Protein backbone atom coordinates (compact mmCIF):
# COMPACT_ATOMS: atom_id res chain seq x y z
CA MET A 1 182.71 286.04 26.58
CA ASP A 2 180.20 283.28 27.37
CA THR A 3 181.34 280.95 24.59
CA PRO A 4 184.80 279.44 25.27
CA ILE A 5 187.67 280.57 23.07
CA ARG A 6 188.58 277.64 20.79
CA VAL A 7 192.37 277.32 20.61
CA LEU A 8 194.26 274.98 18.30
CA GLY A 9 197.64 274.20 19.86
CA ILE A 10 200.27 272.75 17.52
CA ALA A 11 203.36 271.71 19.47
CA PRO A 12 206.55 270.98 17.50
CA TYR A 13 207.50 268.22 19.97
CA GLU A 14 205.63 265.88 22.33
CA GLY A 15 206.96 267.46 25.51
CA MET A 16 205.47 270.84 24.66
CA LYS A 17 202.08 269.22 24.11
CA THR A 18 202.34 267.80 27.65
CA LEU A 19 203.16 271.21 29.14
CA MET A 20 200.32 272.88 27.21
CA SER A 21 197.92 270.22 28.41
CA ASN A 22 199.04 270.72 32.02
CA LEU A 23 198.10 274.41 31.77
CA LYS A 24 194.51 273.71 30.65
CA GLU A 25 193.09 274.01 34.17
CA GLU A 26 194.45 277.56 34.51
CA TYR A 27 192.39 278.69 31.50
CA PRO A 28 188.76 277.57 31.92
CA GLN A 29 187.72 280.14 29.26
CA MET A 30 189.73 278.21 26.65
CA ASP A 31 188.67 275.09 24.75
CA LEU A 32 192.11 273.73 23.84
CA SER A 33 192.79 271.06 21.19
CA LEU A 34 196.38 269.83 21.04
CA PHE A 35 198.41 268.15 18.31
CA VAL A 36 202.09 267.45 17.68
CA GLY A 37 203.64 268.47 14.35
CA ASP A 38 206.68 270.44 13.25
CA ARG A 39 206.79 272.67 10.14
CA GLU A 40 205.03 270.91 7.20
CA LEU A 41 203.31 268.35 9.43
CA GLY A 42 202.09 271.16 11.71
CA LEU A 43 200.77 273.03 8.68
CA GLU A 44 198.94 269.95 7.45
CA ILE A 45 197.36 269.46 10.89
CA ALA A 46 196.17 273.08 10.84
CA ARG A 47 194.71 272.65 7.36
CA ALA A 48 192.96 269.47 8.44
CA ASN A 49 191.38 271.35 11.34
CA PHE A 50 190.60 274.57 9.46
CA HIS A 51 186.87 273.88 9.58
CA GLY A 52 187.00 273.12 13.30
CA ASN A 53 185.64 276.52 14.40
CA TYR A 54 188.94 277.65 15.97
CA ASP A 55 189.55 281.25 17.00
CA VAL A 56 193.33 281.18 17.24
CA VAL A 57 196.33 278.90 16.74
CA VAL A 58 199.22 278.69 19.22
CA SER A 59 202.54 277.24 18.03
CA ARG A 60 206.29 277.88 18.09
CA GLY A 61 209.19 278.87 15.85
CA ASP A 62 209.18 278.13 12.14
CA THR A 63 205.91 276.20 12.48
CA ALA A 64 204.19 279.37 13.70
CA THR A 65 205.75 281.38 10.85
CA MET A 66 204.45 278.92 8.23
CA LEU A 67 200.99 278.87 9.83
CA ARG A 68 200.76 282.68 9.68
CA ARG A 69 201.38 282.61 5.95
CA ASP A 70 198.77 279.93 5.31
CA LEU A 71 195.89 280.54 7.75
CA SER A 72 193.32 283.30 7.95
CA ILE A 73 192.97 283.14 11.74
CA PRO A 74 195.47 284.64 14.21
CA VAL A 75 198.58 282.65 15.07
CA VAL A 76 200.31 283.30 18.41
CA GLU A 77 203.94 282.25 18.67
CA ILE A 78 205.38 280.68 21.84
CA GLU A 79 208.63 282.52 22.29
CA VAL A 80 211.98 281.05 23.27
CA SER A 81 212.91 283.17 26.29
CA MET A 82 216.35 284.02 27.62
CA TYR A 83 215.61 281.70 30.53
CA ASP A 84 214.89 278.81 28.15
CA LEU A 85 218.18 279.41 26.34
CA LEU A 86 220.17 279.71 29.58
CA CYS A 87 218.79 276.38 30.88
CA THR A 88 219.80 274.59 27.68
CA LEU A 89 223.19 276.33 27.61
CA LYS A 90 223.84 275.20 31.20
CA LEU A 91 223.35 271.54 30.23
CA ALA A 92 225.52 271.85 27.11
CA GLY A 93 228.29 273.71 28.94
CA SER A 94 229.69 270.53 30.52
CA LEU A 95 230.88 269.19 27.16
CA SER A 96 234.35 269.99 25.87
CA GLY A 97 234.70 271.73 22.54
CA GLY A 98 232.71 274.52 20.96
CA ILE A 99 228.97 275.11 21.16
CA ALA A 100 226.89 275.93 18.09
CA PHE A 101 223.27 277.01 17.73
CA VAL A 102 221.17 275.78 14.79
CA ALA A 103 217.57 276.95 14.42
CA ALA A 104 215.02 278.73 12.29
CA PRO A 105 215.49 282.53 12.11
CA SER A 106 212.71 283.36 14.59
CA ILE A 107 214.35 281.27 17.34
CA ALA A 108 217.94 282.13 16.40
CA GLU A 109 217.23 285.82 16.98
CA SER A 110 216.75 285.15 20.71
CA ALA A 111 220.15 283.42 20.81
CA ARG A 112 221.80 286.44 19.16
CA LEU A 113 220.31 288.78 21.74
CA LEU A 114 221.53 286.53 24.57
CA CYS A 115 225.07 286.36 23.18
CA LYS A 116 225.14 290.13 22.81
CA ALA A 117 223.82 290.75 26.33
CA MET A 118 226.21 288.29 28.00
CA ASP A 119 229.17 288.75 25.66
CA LEU A 120 229.09 285.05 24.71
CA SER A 121 230.89 283.53 21.75
CA MET A 122 228.65 280.99 20.00
CA ASP A 123 228.42 279.99 16.36
CA ILE A 124 224.77 280.66 15.36
CA ARG A 125 223.45 279.11 12.16
CA THR A 126 219.97 279.59 10.69
CA TYR A 127 218.13 277.71 7.96
CA ASP A 128 215.30 278.57 5.60
CA SER A 129 214.68 275.07 4.24
CA HIS A 130 215.07 271.51 5.49
CA ASP A 131 217.62 270.70 2.80
CA THR A 132 220.26 272.97 4.34
CA VAL A 133 220.10 271.58 7.89
CA GLU A 134 222.00 268.31 7.43
CA PRO A 135 224.93 269.91 5.51
CA THR A 136 225.14 272.59 8.21
CA LEU A 137 225.30 270.01 10.99
CA LEU A 138 227.91 267.92 9.17
CA GLU A 139 230.03 271.03 8.65
CA LEU A 140 229.82 271.85 12.37
CA ARG A 141 230.87 268.31 13.27
CA GLN A 142 233.83 268.56 10.91
CA ASP A 143 234.78 271.85 12.58
CA GLY A 144 234.97 270.09 15.95
CA PHE A 145 231.80 271.35 17.65
CA GLN A 146 230.86 268.91 20.42
CA ALA A 147 227.51 270.37 21.49
CA LEU A 148 224.60 271.66 19.42
CA LEU A 149 221.68 273.73 20.67
CA CYS A 150 218.82 273.14 18.24
CA ASP A 151 215.18 273.77 17.49
CA THR A 152 212.93 270.77 16.88
CA PHE A 153 213.76 270.00 13.24
CA ALA A 154 217.51 270.55 13.64
CA ASN A 155 217.44 268.45 16.83
CA ASN A 156 215.73 265.54 15.05
CA THR A 157 218.24 265.76 12.21
CA ALA A 158 221.17 265.85 14.65
CA LYS A 159 219.80 262.77 16.43
CA ARG A 160 219.59 260.94 13.11
CA LEU A 161 223.24 261.83 12.45
CA GLY A 162 224.30 260.61 15.91
CA MET A 163 225.41 264.04 17.21
CA ASN A 164 225.17 265.48 20.73
CA SER A 165 222.11 267.69 20.47
CA PHE A 166 220.25 269.71 23.10
CA LEU A 167 216.69 270.71 22.25
CA VAL A 168 215.91 274.32 23.17
CA ALA A 169 212.61 273.72 24.95
CA SER A 170 210.12 276.42 25.87
CA SER A 171 209.28 276.68 29.57
CA VAL A 172 205.83 276.73 31.15
CA GLU A 173 206.12 280.50 31.56
CA SER A 174 206.67 280.98 27.83
CA ILE A 175 203.58 278.89 27.05
CA ARG A 176 201.52 280.73 29.67
CA LYS A 177 202.52 284.05 28.09
CA ALA A 178 201.35 282.81 24.66
CA PHE A 179 198.01 281.66 26.08
CA ASP A 180 197.48 285.06 27.69
CA GLN A 181 198.20 286.76 24.36
CA ALA A 182 195.79 284.41 22.55
CA LEU A 183 192.97 285.39 24.90
CA LEU A 184 193.66 289.07 24.35
CA ILE A 185 193.44 288.99 20.56
CA CYS A 186 190.29 286.83 20.40
CA GLY A 187 186.76 288.15 20.68
CA SER A 188 185.58 289.74 17.43
CA ARG A 189 185.00 286.65 15.27
CA GLU A 190 181.60 285.50 16.49
CA SER A 191 179.91 285.57 13.06
CA LEU A 192 182.60 283.48 11.39
CA ARG A 193 182.64 281.07 14.31
CA GLU A 194 178.89 280.51 14.12
CA GLU A 195 179.06 279.80 10.38
CA ASN A 196 181.96 277.38 10.82
CA GLN A 197 180.16 275.68 13.69
CA PHE A 198 177.09 275.15 11.50
CA LEU A 199 179.13 273.61 8.65
CA ARG A 200 181.12 271.46 11.05
CA ALA A 201 177.90 270.16 12.64
CA LEU A 202 176.61 269.15 9.19
CA ILE A 203 179.81 267.23 8.41
CA ARG A 204 180.02 265.66 11.86
CA GLY A 205 176.46 264.41 11.40
CA GLN A 206 177.79 261.72 9.11
CA ILE A 207 178.60 258.34 10.55
CA SER A 208 181.92 258.19 8.71
CA GLN A 209 184.93 260.51 8.83
CA THR A 210 185.63 262.74 5.84
CA VAL A 211 188.95 263.61 4.19
CA VAL A 212 189.05 265.82 1.07
CA PHE A 213 192.01 266.56 -1.24
CA ASP A 214 192.25 269.12 -4.01
CA GLN A 215 193.43 268.29 -7.54
CA SER A 216 197.07 268.78 -6.53
CA GLY A 217 196.83 266.30 -3.69
CA ASN A 218 196.82 268.97 -0.96
CA LEU A 219 194.63 268.31 2.07
CA PHE A 220 191.58 270.58 1.86
CA LEU A 221 189.32 269.26 4.62
CA SER A 222 189.47 266.61 7.34
CA THR A 223 187.13 265.69 10.18
CA LEU A 224 189.71 263.36 11.72
CA ASP A 225 190.58 264.30 15.28
CA ALA A 226 194.28 263.66 14.65
CA PRO A 227 195.24 263.10 10.99
CA VAL A 228 197.89 260.37 10.90
CA PRO A 229 200.52 261.06 8.19
CA GLU A 230 200.57 257.38 7.13
CA LEU A 231 196.78 257.41 6.70
CA LEU A 232 196.85 260.59 4.59
CA GLU A 233 199.64 259.15 2.46
CA MET A 234 197.66 255.94 1.96
CA LEU A 235 194.67 257.98 0.74
CA ARG A 236 196.84 260.05 -1.58
CA ARG A 237 198.02 256.86 -3.26
CA GLU A 238 194.39 256.21 -4.23
CA LEU A 239 193.98 259.60 -5.95
CA PRO A 240 195.16 258.54 -9.45
CA GLU A 241 192.55 255.75 -9.52
CA SER A 242 189.82 258.06 -8.23
CA GLN A 243 189.85 260.81 -10.88
CA ARG A 244 186.51 259.60 -12.28
CA ASP A 245 182.85 260.31 -11.64
CA VAL A 246 182.28 256.71 -10.53
CA GLU A 247 182.19 256.11 -6.78
CA ARG A 248 184.76 253.60 -5.55
CA ARG A 249 184.60 251.38 -2.47
CA ILE A 250 187.79 249.87 -1.05
CA THR A 251 189.13 248.40 2.22
CA ARG A 252 192.62 248.97 3.54
CA ASN A 253 194.62 247.80 6.58
CA LEU A 254 196.91 250.26 8.38
CA GLY A 255 198.40 250.28 11.87
CA GLY A 256 196.09 247.60 13.24
CA MET A 257 192.98 249.34 11.85
CA LEU A 258 190.69 248.16 9.06
CA TYR A 259 189.32 251.04 6.94
CA ALA A 260 186.17 250.77 4.78
CA ILE A 261 186.47 253.69 2.33
CA ARG A 262 184.08 255.30 -0.17
CA ILE A 263 185.69 257.64 -2.72
CA ARG A 264 183.93 260.11 -5.00
CA GLN A 265 184.56 263.39 -6.78
CA VAL A 266 182.92 266.60 -5.53
CA GLY A 267 182.68 269.79 -7.60
CA ALA A 268 182.66 273.34 -6.23
CA GLY A 269 182.47 275.90 -9.07
CA SER A 270 185.41 275.28 -11.34
CA ALA A 271 187.29 273.33 -8.68
CA VAL A 272 187.09 269.54 -8.35
CA TYR A 273 187.90 267.72 -5.14
CA THR A 274 188.27 264.06 -4.19
CA ALA A 275 186.38 263.09 -1.04
CA PHE A 276 187.13 260.01 1.08
CA PHE A 277 184.52 258.77 3.55
CA LEU A 278 186.11 256.42 6.08
CA GLU A 279 184.82 254.00 8.67
CA ALA A 280 187.50 252.46 10.86
CA ARG A 281 187.55 249.55 13.25
CA LYS A 282 190.31 247.66 14.96
CA THR A 283 191.62 244.60 13.20
CA PRO A 284 190.89 241.67 15.48
CA LEU A 285 194.08 240.15 16.94
CA SER A 286 194.30 236.50 16.09
CA PRO A 287 195.84 234.17 18.69
CA ASN A 288 197.68 232.68 15.73
CA GLN A 289 199.72 235.90 15.46
CA SER A 290 200.66 236.52 19.10
CA GLY A 291 204.24 237.80 19.24
CA ILE A 292 204.27 238.85 15.56
CA ARG A 293 204.23 242.59 14.77
CA PHE A 294 204.36 244.45 11.45
CA SER A 295 206.01 247.89 11.26
CA SER A 296 206.49 250.43 8.49
CA TYR A 297 209.44 252.80 8.09
CA PRO A 298 207.65 255.72 9.86
CA GLU A 299 206.73 253.45 12.79
CA ALA A 300 210.32 252.20 13.09
CA GLU A 301 211.58 255.79 12.90
CA ARG A 302 209.25 256.88 15.72
CA ALA A 303 210.40 253.98 17.89
CA PHE A 304 214.05 254.85 17.24
CA ASP A 305 213.48 258.55 17.95
CA ASP A 306 212.04 257.63 21.35
CA SER A 307 215.20 255.75 22.35
CA ILE A 308 218.28 257.11 24.13
CA PHE A 309 220.34 256.22 21.04
CA SER A 310 218.56 258.90 19.04
CA PHE A 311 219.60 261.90 21.12
CA ALA A 312 223.01 260.69 22.31
CA GLU A 313 226.08 260.23 20.14
CA THR A 314 226.10 256.50 21.00
CA ILE A 315 224.66 255.49 17.64
CA SER A 316 227.70 256.98 15.89
CA ASP A 317 229.79 254.08 17.28
CA PHE A 318 227.87 251.69 15.04
CA GLN A 319 227.14 253.80 11.94
CA ASN A 320 230.17 252.64 9.95
CA GLU A 321 229.68 248.99 10.94
CA ILE A 322 225.97 249.16 10.10
CA ALA A 323 226.77 250.75 6.73
CA GLN A 324 229.13 247.85 5.96
CA ILE A 325 226.61 245.25 7.13
CA ASN A 326 223.90 246.82 4.96
CA GLN A 327 226.03 246.40 1.83
CA SER A 328 224.75 242.81 1.72
CA ARG A 329 221.52 241.06 2.68
CA ALA A 330 223.29 238.39 4.73
CA PRO A 331 221.61 237.41 8.02
CA VAL A 332 222.68 239.47 11.05
CA LEU A 333 223.00 238.45 14.70
CA VAL A 334 222.84 241.32 17.21
CA THR A 335 224.31 240.39 20.60
CA GLY A 336 224.69 242.16 23.91
CA GLU A 337 223.61 242.13 27.53
CA ASP A 338 220.06 242.94 28.64
CA GLY A 339 219.09 246.56 27.93
CA THR A 340 221.93 247.41 25.54
CA GLY A 341 219.47 248.53 22.84
CA LYS A 342 219.32 245.57 20.49
CA GLU A 343 215.81 246.35 19.23
CA THR A 344 216.77 250.01 18.69
CA ILE A 345 219.81 248.98 16.65
CA VAL A 346 217.60 246.68 14.57
CA TYR A 347 215.32 249.65 13.83
CA PHE A 348 218.39 251.60 12.68
CA LEU A 349 219.63 248.69 10.55
CA TYR A 350 216.22 248.50 8.88
CA MET A 351 215.95 252.28 8.36
CA ARG A 352 219.35 252.36 6.63
CA SER A 353 218.79 249.25 4.50
CA SER A 354 217.64 248.94 0.90
CA LEU A 355 214.43 247.27 2.19
CA GLN A 356 213.27 250.27 4.23
CA ASN A 357 210.16 250.66 2.04
CA HIS A 358 209.10 247.08 2.77
CA PRO A 359 207.69 245.82 6.09
CA LEU A 360 209.73 245.15 9.19
CA ILE A 361 208.23 242.01 10.76
CA SER A 362 209.24 241.50 14.39
CA ILE A 363 208.86 238.02 15.88
CA ASN A 364 209.27 238.13 19.66
CA CYS A 365 210.17 234.55 20.55
CA SER A 366 209.26 235.11 24.22
CA LEU A 367 205.62 235.88 23.24
CA LEU A 368 205.02 233.01 20.80
CA ASN A 369 202.40 230.53 21.95
CA ASP A 370 201.72 227.12 20.43
CA LYS A 371 199.24 228.54 17.90
CA SER A 372 201.49 231.38 16.74
CA TRP A 373 204.45 228.99 16.54
CA ALA A 374 202.42 226.67 14.29
CA PHE A 375 201.24 229.67 12.23
CA LEU A 376 204.83 230.84 11.81
CA LEU A 377 206.18 227.48 10.64
CA GLU A 378 203.21 225.97 8.78
CA HIS A 379 200.70 228.57 7.54
CA HIS A 380 200.74 229.74 3.91
CA ASN A 381 200.41 233.37 5.13
CA SER A 382 203.34 233.07 7.54
CA PRO A 383 205.89 235.95 7.42
CA LEU A 384 208.43 233.29 6.45
CA THR A 385 206.75 233.05 3.04
CA ASP A 386 207.25 236.80 2.37
CA GLN A 387 209.53 238.33 -0.21
CA ASP A 388 211.84 241.34 0.39
CA SER A 389 210.74 241.88 4.01
CA THR A 390 212.98 242.36 7.05
CA LEU A 391 212.34 239.55 9.57
CA TYR A 392 213.57 240.21 13.10
CA PHE A 393 213.64 237.30 15.56
CA SER A 394 214.23 238.67 19.07
CA SER A 395 215.02 236.68 22.23
CA ILE A 396 215.98 233.48 20.41
CA ASP A 397 217.51 232.31 23.72
CA VAL A 398 214.06 231.60 25.20
CA LEU A 399 213.22 229.04 22.52
CA SER A 400 213.61 225.46 23.61
CA PRO A 401 216.44 223.52 21.91
CA GLU A 402 213.78 221.66 19.90
CA ARG A 403 212.19 224.90 18.63
CA GLN A 404 215.61 226.36 17.86
CA ARG A 405 216.30 223.36 15.62
CA GLN A 406 212.83 223.64 14.00
CA LEU A 407 213.32 227.33 13.23
CA LEU A 408 216.77 226.74 11.78
CA ALA A 409 215.45 223.94 9.59
CA VAL A 410 212.61 226.11 8.22
CA LEU A 411 214.89 229.09 7.57
CA LEU A 412 217.29 226.88 5.63
CA GLU A 413 214.82 224.64 3.80
CA MET A 414 212.49 227.49 2.73
CA ASP A 415 215.43 229.67 1.65
CA VAL A 416 214.03 232.47 3.85
CA CYS A 417 217.37 234.27 4.17
CA ARG A 418 217.74 234.61 0.41
CA ARG A 419 214.23 236.00 -0.15
CA ASN A 420 214.28 238.34 2.90
CA ARG A 421 216.61 240.11 5.29
CA VAL A 422 216.83 238.05 8.50
CA ILE A 423 218.02 239.63 11.76
CA LEU A 424 218.22 237.80 15.10
CA SER A 425 219.15 238.90 18.61
CA CYS A 426 220.30 237.09 21.72
CA VAL A 427 221.22 238.18 25.22
CA CYS A 428 224.71 237.64 26.63
CA GLN A 429 225.81 237.28 30.21
CA PRO A 430 228.65 239.53 31.50
CA GLY A 431 231.90 238.55 29.84
CA GLU A 432 230.18 236.78 26.91
CA TYR A 433 230.20 237.87 23.29
CA VAL A 434 227.42 235.52 22.23
CA SER A 435 225.08 233.06 23.98
CA ALA A 436 224.93 229.36 23.21
CA ALA A 437 221.71 229.79 21.20
CA GLY A 438 223.21 232.77 19.38
CA ALA A 439 226.33 230.76 18.48
CA LEU A 440 224.15 228.03 16.97
CA PHE A 441 222.33 230.44 14.62
CA LEU A 442 225.55 232.37 13.94
CA ASP A 443 227.25 229.23 12.61
CA LYS A 444 224.33 227.55 10.81
CA LEU A 445 223.10 230.70 9.01
CA ARG A 446 226.61 232.18 8.52
CA CYS A 447 225.45 235.45 10.07
CA LEU A 448 227.25 238.74 10.24
CA SER A 449 227.43 239.82 13.90
CA LEU A 450 227.04 243.12 15.72
CA TYR A 451 228.02 243.28 19.42
CA LEU A 452 226.63 246.02 21.67
CA PRO A 453 228.93 246.68 24.66
CA PRO A 454 227.48 247.21 28.15
CA LEU A 455 227.11 250.70 29.58
CA ARG A 456 229.51 250.00 32.45
CA SER A 457 232.36 249.62 29.92
CA MET A 458 231.98 253.32 28.99
CA PRO A 459 231.88 255.23 32.32
CA GLN A 460 233.49 258.27 30.68
CA ARG A 461 230.28 258.78 28.68
CA ILE A 462 227.95 258.85 31.68
CA PRO A 463 228.21 262.65 32.35
CA THR A 464 227.37 263.45 28.72
CA LEU A 465 224.51 260.95 28.71
CA ILE A 466 223.15 262.50 31.91
CA ASN A 467 222.99 266.00 30.41
CA LEU A 468 221.59 264.82 27.08
CA SER A 469 218.92 262.80 28.88
CA LEU A 470 218.01 265.78 31.07
CA SER A 471 217.76 268.00 27.99
CA HIS A 472 215.40 265.45 26.43
CA LEU A 473 213.30 265.21 29.63
CA ASN A 474 213.14 269.00 30.11
CA ALA A 475 210.89 269.18 27.08
CA ALA A 476 208.15 267.35 29.02
CA ILE A 477 208.47 268.31 32.70
CA PRO A 478 207.25 271.59 34.22
CA ARG A 479 210.54 272.49 35.92
CA GLN A 480 213.82 272.73 34.02
CA VAL A 481 216.58 270.54 35.54
CA VAL A 482 219.93 272.04 34.57
CA GLY A 483 222.45 269.61 36.02
CA ILE A 484 223.62 267.20 38.69
CA GLU A 485 226.04 267.56 41.59
CA PRO A 486 229.52 266.22 40.74
CA GLU A 487 229.31 263.58 43.48
CA GLY A 488 225.98 262.41 42.06
CA ALA A 489 227.50 262.07 38.59
CA SER A 490 230.37 260.04 40.08
CA LEU A 491 227.88 257.70 41.78
CA LEU A 492 226.15 257.11 38.46
CA GLN A 493 229.52 256.51 36.76
CA SER A 494 230.52 253.85 39.29
CA PHE A 495 227.15 252.02 39.22
CA ARG A 496 227.26 248.65 37.43
CA TRP A 497 224.07 249.15 35.34
CA PRO A 498 223.07 245.47 35.00
CA HIS A 499 220.17 246.48 32.71
CA ASN A 500 222.27 249.06 30.84
CA TYR A 501 220.55 251.85 28.85
CA ILE A 502 216.99 250.84 29.74
CA GLN A 503 217.86 251.06 33.44
CA PHE A 504 219.91 254.25 32.99
CA ARG A 505 217.06 256.09 31.27
CA ARG A 506 214.58 255.00 33.95
CA VAL A 507 216.91 256.20 36.73
CA ILE A 508 217.55 259.59 35.13
CA LYS A 509 213.81 260.10 34.61
CA ALA A 510 213.13 259.27 38.26
CA LEU A 511 215.84 261.72 39.39
CA ALA A 512 214.55 264.52 37.12
CA VAL A 513 210.88 264.12 38.03
CA THR A 514 211.52 263.95 41.79
CA ALA A 515 214.25 266.64 41.95
CA ALA A 516 213.49 269.25 44.61
CA GLY A 517 215.34 271.98 42.71
CA GLN A 518 217.01 272.57 39.37
CA VAL A 519 220.09 270.50 40.28
CA ILE A 520 219.94 266.79 41.15
CA THR A 521 221.64 266.12 44.48
CA ALA A 522 224.03 263.31 45.33
CA GLU A 523 221.70 262.21 48.13
CA SER A 524 218.86 261.76 45.63
CA VAL A 525 221.14 259.62 43.48
CA ARG A 526 222.03 257.42 46.47
CA GLU A 527 218.37 256.84 47.30
CA VAL A 528 217.40 255.94 43.74
CA LEU A 529 220.39 253.61 43.24
CA LYS A 530 219.63 251.90 46.55
CA LYS A 531 216.15 251.07 45.25
CA GLU A 532 217.65 249.84 41.97
CA ARG A 533 219.91 247.41 43.82
CA HIS A 534 216.98 246.03 45.82
CA MET A 535 214.75 245.85 42.74
CA GLY A 536 217.43 243.92 40.88
CA ALA A 537 216.43 240.69 42.55
CA PHE A 538 212.91 240.94 41.14
CA SER A 539 213.62 242.45 37.71
CA LEU A 540 212.07 240.45 34.88
CA ARG A 541 214.30 240.43 31.85
CA ALA A 542 212.88 240.70 28.37
CA GLU A 543 215.13 237.84 27.28
CA ASN A 544 214.05 235.68 30.24
CA ALA A 545 217.62 235.22 31.43
CA ALA A 546 218.91 235.31 35.00
CA VAL A 547 219.86 238.72 36.37
CA PRO A 548 223.64 238.90 36.99
CA LEU A 549 224.64 239.39 40.64
CA ASP A 550 226.15 242.85 41.20
CA LEU A 551 229.32 242.30 43.25
CA GLY A 552 230.18 245.99 43.45
CA ARG A 553 228.38 246.32 46.80
CA THR A 554 228.83 245.57 50.51
CA LEU A 555 228.59 241.97 51.77
CA GLU A 556 225.40 242.89 53.65
CA GLU A 557 223.74 244.12 50.42
CA ILE A 558 224.85 241.04 48.47
CA ASN A 559 223.51 238.71 51.18
CA GLN A 560 220.16 240.49 51.11
CA ASP A 561 220.06 240.29 47.29
CA VAL A 562 220.70 236.51 47.38
CA ALA A 563 218.00 236.02 50.04
CA LEU A 564 215.49 237.99 47.95
CA ARG A 565 216.25 235.95 44.84
CA VAL A 566 215.83 232.62 46.62
CA LEU A 567 212.60 233.83 48.24
CA GLU A 568 211.26 234.79 44.80
CA GLU A 569 212.21 231.41 43.31
CA THR A 570 210.40 229.61 46.16
CA GLY A 571 207.22 231.60 45.51
CA GLY A 572 207.52 233.67 48.71
CA ASN A 573 207.69 230.57 50.97
CA GLN A 574 210.06 231.68 53.76
CA THR A 575 210.42 228.20 55.24
CA ALA A 576 211.48 226.72 51.89
CA ALA A 577 213.81 229.68 51.22
CA ALA A 578 215.49 229.39 54.62
CA ARG A 579 215.93 225.60 54.15
CA ARG A 580 217.51 226.16 50.72
CA LEU A 581 219.89 228.80 52.11
CA GLY A 582 220.79 226.63 55.12
CA ILE A 583 219.74 229.28 57.66
CA SER A 584 216.91 229.71 60.14
CA ARG A 585 213.71 231.60 59.36
CA THR A 586 214.75 234.22 61.96
CA THR A 587 218.06 234.82 60.17
CA LEU A 588 216.23 235.06 56.83
CA TRP A 589 213.78 237.56 58.32
CA ARG A 590 216.69 239.70 59.56
CA LEU A 591 218.33 239.63 56.12
CA LEU A 592 215.13 240.76 54.42
CA LYS A 593 214.46 243.57 56.91
CA LYS A 594 217.92 245.22 56.62
């Protein structure tokens, strides 16, 4: 066929989109458009792209089942193969306690066949609606199951509940098989494709983008390349005011974009539709607002889901304390060493609070310049004048003592903590519970406090975190990594992790991406940790605090670390560094070259 086959790929998770994109070059006869959306979101994406002249849709699991019921074009399902299940089972097998499988019926059937073929005992649960997933997971936790193998929706729910969850990811081979099947079943829809192409060209000829809803608020047509759920929801909120023959013109701000919108009713026979014509441009960033960011609940949820806390059981340590803290709107101080996940915990606090439907306004004190500081304290549109917002001040340690006093005075004099929820964070040094700056705000604002312990205090969790992180990464890398050599796991357990979870996640990603086989070797771990120790001297901390010296090393390594730090502080001047250390330039050169 001369004309490329137009394929709409709807991946239920981001990693699958990456794998599908990586396969594009193998299929030059395919014109592949990729989106991420599970179940209802995937269905809405397909509806939005219905007029996009597609020949076939490729998706997975329950999303594919829903698409088949709703679309008139073929839908090819990416199967979950026995190999995919075995890889996930291998990672989950290291945990003590029972293993359960929770997925939509189409995926669960593969698990039943595997258990039958290998005589495995595994509790398999299926769901037909979203409402039944959370009760099922809670029941499994009560029954003592320590590991859950899940499809995308169940995995996201398990992460929200703070449970150990392993996403059953489809391999490259499974996706390749689906692409091959899509090519086989396409070829006899030329007439319909030409008609759709003509209509699409007419709509695309407009300068603005078009979004159309039916009378029930269902998306009927969209020319947006990637319909953003928040944008569609914003437009739906305008529907009640738009049920008239009069054309409306409005402007709206969303996600850093300014939308100029025309709204009018369009009739088609007995049906009436509401059409939105949008022109979007980026909202110019004012220097007065540097370091100030506004987030909605969905944006906070996406940021949390991308953190290690979302797919590991770590968040469960704080759920009860966060629930107690959220019973009041008292100010909160979150403390912990660098990289312990303070911003992630703030997202979780906000998502579980009574103000979750109001903005989360993050003020990064390390990014505030003179203009944004003046805007924050003096402007009538400052976030400090808001009502019922969540204000998060991060890195209060970097503020000068004078600015700390100014901020405290404004918070108290303007009664900011009564009108809003105020959350602050500070970085602690090893052995500290709170920094000096944190103690000042803690006392003056009478804050509730939440301390996040360092990763090195929980070495027993490292093996579980390794496997959960690998399961998360396997969704986005071509080769499945199914484990780590015991000696390698021990090396990771004994490492000091000065930058905690941020550093841990970076190390595991480096090990997974560079692994020569399906098992990470101890030698690979040694090489990566060696680089981490050398990089420690130059690591810039988000909170602008000094990096603690790792004493769990040889004297030679510590001497080299000290030399590197002094060299950095002297701007690379070896003569000045040697003079400060009280050694010759030759000795310094030898230290740096070891």
